[in-house]
Amino acid sequence: MMPAVTMRSCTGAACAAPVPVPTLTHIRSRYVVRWRTLRVTVENESSYWTVRVEESGFTTALHKAHRGTLRAAKLAGIEFAVFHLGGPAVVDQSPEQLAETLGWKMEW
């Protein structure tokens, strides 16, 4: 036999208190591109994007930064990559154009 359960009535401030909403699961995604000898990754965090630039085959970041938008993060990574490999003389387009024309792959 189950024990008796006493129900209490809700009165006062306790009834007006907001019910906390559980945090939704944040689905992370990232964009990756390999350009020359470098690997650039842009990953979404909860309120910003993190960009990392690494030598291909290595896990130590040459550059890591945070930006507010995906576009700004991609640009920051490509700008670093261009200057790391020798500056504007190594490409025939601006970092902005290069960031938009590279084949970024989305990963989950």
C-alpha atoms as a PDB file:
ATOM      1  CA  MET A   1       0.000   0.000   0.000  1.00  0.00           C
ATOM      2  CA  MET A   2       1.316   3.456  -0.896  1.00  0.00           C
ATOM      3  CA  PRO A   3       1.764   6.096   1.837  1.00  0.00           C
ATOM      4  CA  ALA A   4      -0.669   8.978   1.892  1.00  0.00           C
ATOM      5  CA  VAL A   5       0.529  12.192   0.246  1.00  0.00           C
ATOM      6  CA  THR A   6      -0.492  15.500   1.751  1.00  0.00           C
ATOM      7  CA  MET A   7      -1.135  18.268  -0.798  1.00  0.00           C
ATOM      8  CA  ARG A   8      -0.381  21.840   0.249  1.00  0.00           C
ATOM      9  CA  SER A   9      -2.122  24.810  -1.229  1.00  0.00           C
ATOM     10  CA  CYS A  10       0.008  27.437  -2.928  1.00  0.00           C
ATOM     11  CA  THR A  11      -0.188  30.836  -1.266  1.00  0.00           C
ATOM     12  CA  GLY A  12       1.832  34.024  -1.228  1.00  0.00           C
ATOM     13  CA  ALA A  13       5.084  34.822  -3.028  1.00  0.00           C
ATOM     14  CA  ALA A  14       5.989  31.180  -3.592  1.00  0.00           C
ATOM     15  CA  CYS A  15       3.192  30.850  -6.130  1.00  0.00           C
ATOM     16  CA  ALA A  16       4.347  33.910  -8.065  1.00  0.00           C
ATOM     17  CA  ALA A  17       7.998  32.848  -8.301  1.00  0.00           C
ATOM     18  CA  PRO A  18       9.080  32.093 -11.861  1.00  0.00           C
ATOM     19  CA  VAL A  19       9.761  28.497 -12.706  1.00  0.00           C
ATOM     20  CA  PRO A  20      13.338  28.122 -13.968  1.00  0.00           C
ATOM     21  CA  VAL A  21      13.548  26.948 -17.551  1.00  0.00           C
ATOM     22  CA  PRO A  22      16.147  24.260 -18.166  1.00  0.00           C
ATOM     23  CA  THR A  23      19.040  25.259 -20.388  1.00  0.00           C
ATOM     24  CA  LEU A  24      18.771  23.946 -23.902  1.00  0.00           C
ATOM     25  CA  THR A  25      21.553  21.802 -25.225  1.00  0.00           C
ATOM     26  CA  HIS A  26      23.894  23.885 -27.343  1.00  0.00           C
ATOM     27  CA  ILE A  27      24.646  22.173 -30.639  1.00  0.00           C
ATOM     28  CA  ARG A  28      28.190  22.996 -31.627  1.00  0.00           C
ATOM     29  CA  SER A  29      29.296  23.268 -35.176  1.00  0.00           C
ATOM     30  CA  ARG A  30      32.482  24.365 -36.817  1.00  0.00           C
ATOM     31  CA  TYR A  31      33.832  25.323 -40.179  1.00  0.00           C
ATOM     32  CA  VAL A  32      37.186  24.066 -41.386  1.00  0.00           C
ATOM     33  CA  VAL A  33      39.347  25.008 -44.333  1.00  0.00           C
ATOM     34  CA  ARG A  34      42.859  24.004 -45.315  1.00  0.00           C
ATOM     35  CA  TRP A  35      44.769  26.723 -47.092  1.00  0.00           C
ATOM     36  CA  ARG A  36      48.327  26.078 -48.209  1.00  0.00           C
ATOM     37  CA  THR A  37      50.107  24.625 -45.143  1.00  0.00           C
ATOM     38  CA  LEU A  38      47.569  25.873 -42.603  1.00  0.00           C
ATOM     39  CA  ARG A  39      44.300  24.616 -41.151  1.00  0.00           C
ATOM     40  CA  VAL A  40      41.772  27.241 -40.047  1.00  0.00           C
ATOM     41  CA  THR A  41      38.844  26.240 -37.823  1.00  0.00           C
ATOM     42  CA  VAL A  42      35.966  28.428 -36.704  1.00  0.00           C
ATOM     43  CA  GLU A  43      33.761  26.980 -33.950  1.00  0.00           C
ATOM     44  CA  ASN A  44      30.637  28.442 -32.420  1.00  0.00           C
ATOM     45  CA  GLU A  45      30.551  28.858 -28.666  1.00  0.00           C
ATOM     46  CA  SER A  46      27.511  30.002 -26.722  1.00  0.00           C
ATOM     47  CA  SER A  47      27.848  33.726 -27.533  1.00  0.00           C
ATOM     48  CA  TYR A  48      30.844  34.074 -29.855  1.00  0.00           C
ATOM     49  CA  TRP A  49      32.955  32.288 -32.473  1.00  0.00           C
ATOM     50  CA  THR A  50      36.452  30.932 -31.788  1.00  0.00           C
ATOM     51  CA  VAL A  51      38.983  30.818 -34.612  1.00  0.00           C
ATOM     52  CA  ARG A  52      42.148  28.715 -34.513  1.00  0.00           C
ATOM     53  CA  VAL A  53      44.947  28.601 -37.060  1.00  0.00           C
ATOM     54  CA  GLU A  54      47.274  25.597 -36.961  1.00  0.00           C
ATOM     55  CA  GLU A  55      49.977  24.096 -39.124  1.00  0.00           C
ATOM     56  CA  SER A  56      48.465  21.104 -40.943  1.00  0.00           C
ATOM     57  CA  GLY A  57      49.101  17.956 -38.943  1.00  0.00           C
ATOM     58  CA  PHE A  58      49.744  19.758 -35.658  1.00  0.00           C
ATOM     59  CA  THR A  59      47.401  20.547 -32.780  1.00  0.00           C
ATOM     60  CA  THR A  60      49.200  23.545 -31.279  1.00  0.00           C
ATOM     61  CA  ALA A  61      47.508  26.753 -32.368  1.00  0.00           C
ATOM     62  CA  LEU A  62      49.581  29.435 -34.043  1.00  0.00           C
ATOM     63  CA  HIS A  63      46.706  31.851 -33.504  1.00  0.00           C
ATOM     64  CA  LYS A  64      43.470  31.786 -31.500  1.00  0.00           C
ATOM     65  CA  ALA A  65      40.876  34.552 -31.310  1.00  0.00           C
ATOM     66  CA  HIS A  66      37.215  35.177 -30.535  1.00  0.00           C
ATOM     67  CA  ARG A  67      34.825  37.139 -32.727  1.00  0.00           C
ATOM     68  CA  GLY A  68      31.147  38.013 -32.521  1.00  0.00           C
ATOM     69  CA  THR A  69      30.102  36.705 -35.932  1.00  0.00           C
ATOM     70  CA  LEU A  70      30.966  33.789 -38.172  1.00  0.00           C
ATOM     71  CA  ARG A  71      32.084  36.091 -40.979  1.00  0.00           C
ATOM     72  CA  ALA A  72      34.393  38.076 -38.672  1.00  0.00           C
ATOM     73  CA  ALA A  73      35.919  34.878 -37.277  1.00  0.00           C
ATOM     74  CA  LYS A  74      36.607  33.460 -40.735  1.00  0.00           C
ATOM     75  CA  LEU A  75      38.182  36.757 -41.782  1.00  0.00           C
ATOM     76  CA  ALA A  76      40.372  36.904 -38.648  1.00  0.00           C
ATOM     77  CA  GLY A  77      41.677  33.407 -39.344  1.00  0.00           C
ATOM     78  CA  ILE A  78      42.430  34.091 -43.004  1.00  0.00           C
ATOM     79  CA  GLU A  79      44.052  37.447 -42.234  1.00  0.00           C
ATOM     80  CA  PHE A  80      46.405  35.734 -39.784  1.00  0.00           C
ATOM     81  CA  ALA A  81      47.134  32.938 -42.273  1.00  0.00           C
ATOM     82  CA  VAL A  82      47.960  35.399 -45.069  1.00  0.00           C
ATOM     83  CA  PHE A  83      50.339  37.427 -42.920  1.00  0.00           C
ATOM     84  CA  HIS A  84      51.875  34.311 -41.355  1.00  0.00           C
ATOM     85  CA  LEU A  85      52.771  32.998 -44.809  1.00  0.00           C
ATOM     86  CA  GLY A  86      54.292  36.235 -46.064  1.00  0.00           C
ATOM     87  CA  GLY A  87      51.694  38.968 -46.293  1.00  0.00           C
ATOM     88  CA  PRO A  88      49.623  40.317 -49.174  1.00  0.00           C
ATOM     89  CA  ALA A  89      52.302  39.392 -51.704  1.00  0.00           C
ATOM     90  CA  VAL A  90      51.392  35.673 -51.354  1.00  0.00           C
ATOM     91  CA  VAL A  91      47.804  36.127 -52.605  1.00  0.00           C
ATOM     92  CA  ASP A  92      46.229  37.959 -55.514  1.00  0.00           C
ATOM     93  CA  GLN A  93      43.082  38.968 -53.623  1.00  0.00           C
ATOM     94  CA  SER A  94      42.151  40.587 -50.337  1.00  0.00           C
ATOM     95  CA  PRO A  95      41.747  38.489 -47.177  1.00  0.00           C
ATOM     96  CA  GLU A  96      38.017  39.333 -47.289  1.00  0.00           C
ATOM     97  CA  GLN A  97      37.682  37.906 -50.811  1.00  0.00           C
ATOM     98  CA  LEU A  98      39.807  34.886 -49.936  1.00  0.00           C
ATOM     99  CA  ALA A  99      37.752  34.106 -46.808  1.00  0.00           C
ATOM    100  CA  GLU A 100      34.565  34.141 -48.877  1.00  0.00           C
ATOM    101  CA  THR A 101      35.882  32.036 -51.777  1.00  0.00           C
ATOM    102  CA  LEU A 102      37.571  29.248 -49.838  1.00  0.00           C
ATOM    103  CA  GLY A 103      35.679  25.963 -49.547  1.00  0.00           C
ATOM    104  CA  TRP A 104      34.780  25.943 -45.845  1.00  0.00           C
ATOM    105  CA  LYS A 105      33.473  22.549 -44.698  1.00  0.00           C
ATOM    106  CA  MET A 106      30.900  22.430 -41.926  1.00  0.00           C
ATOM    107  CA  GLU A 107      31.419  19.808 -39.209  1.00  0.00           C
ATOM    108  CA  TRP A 108      29.214  18.870 -36.249  1.00  0.00           C
END
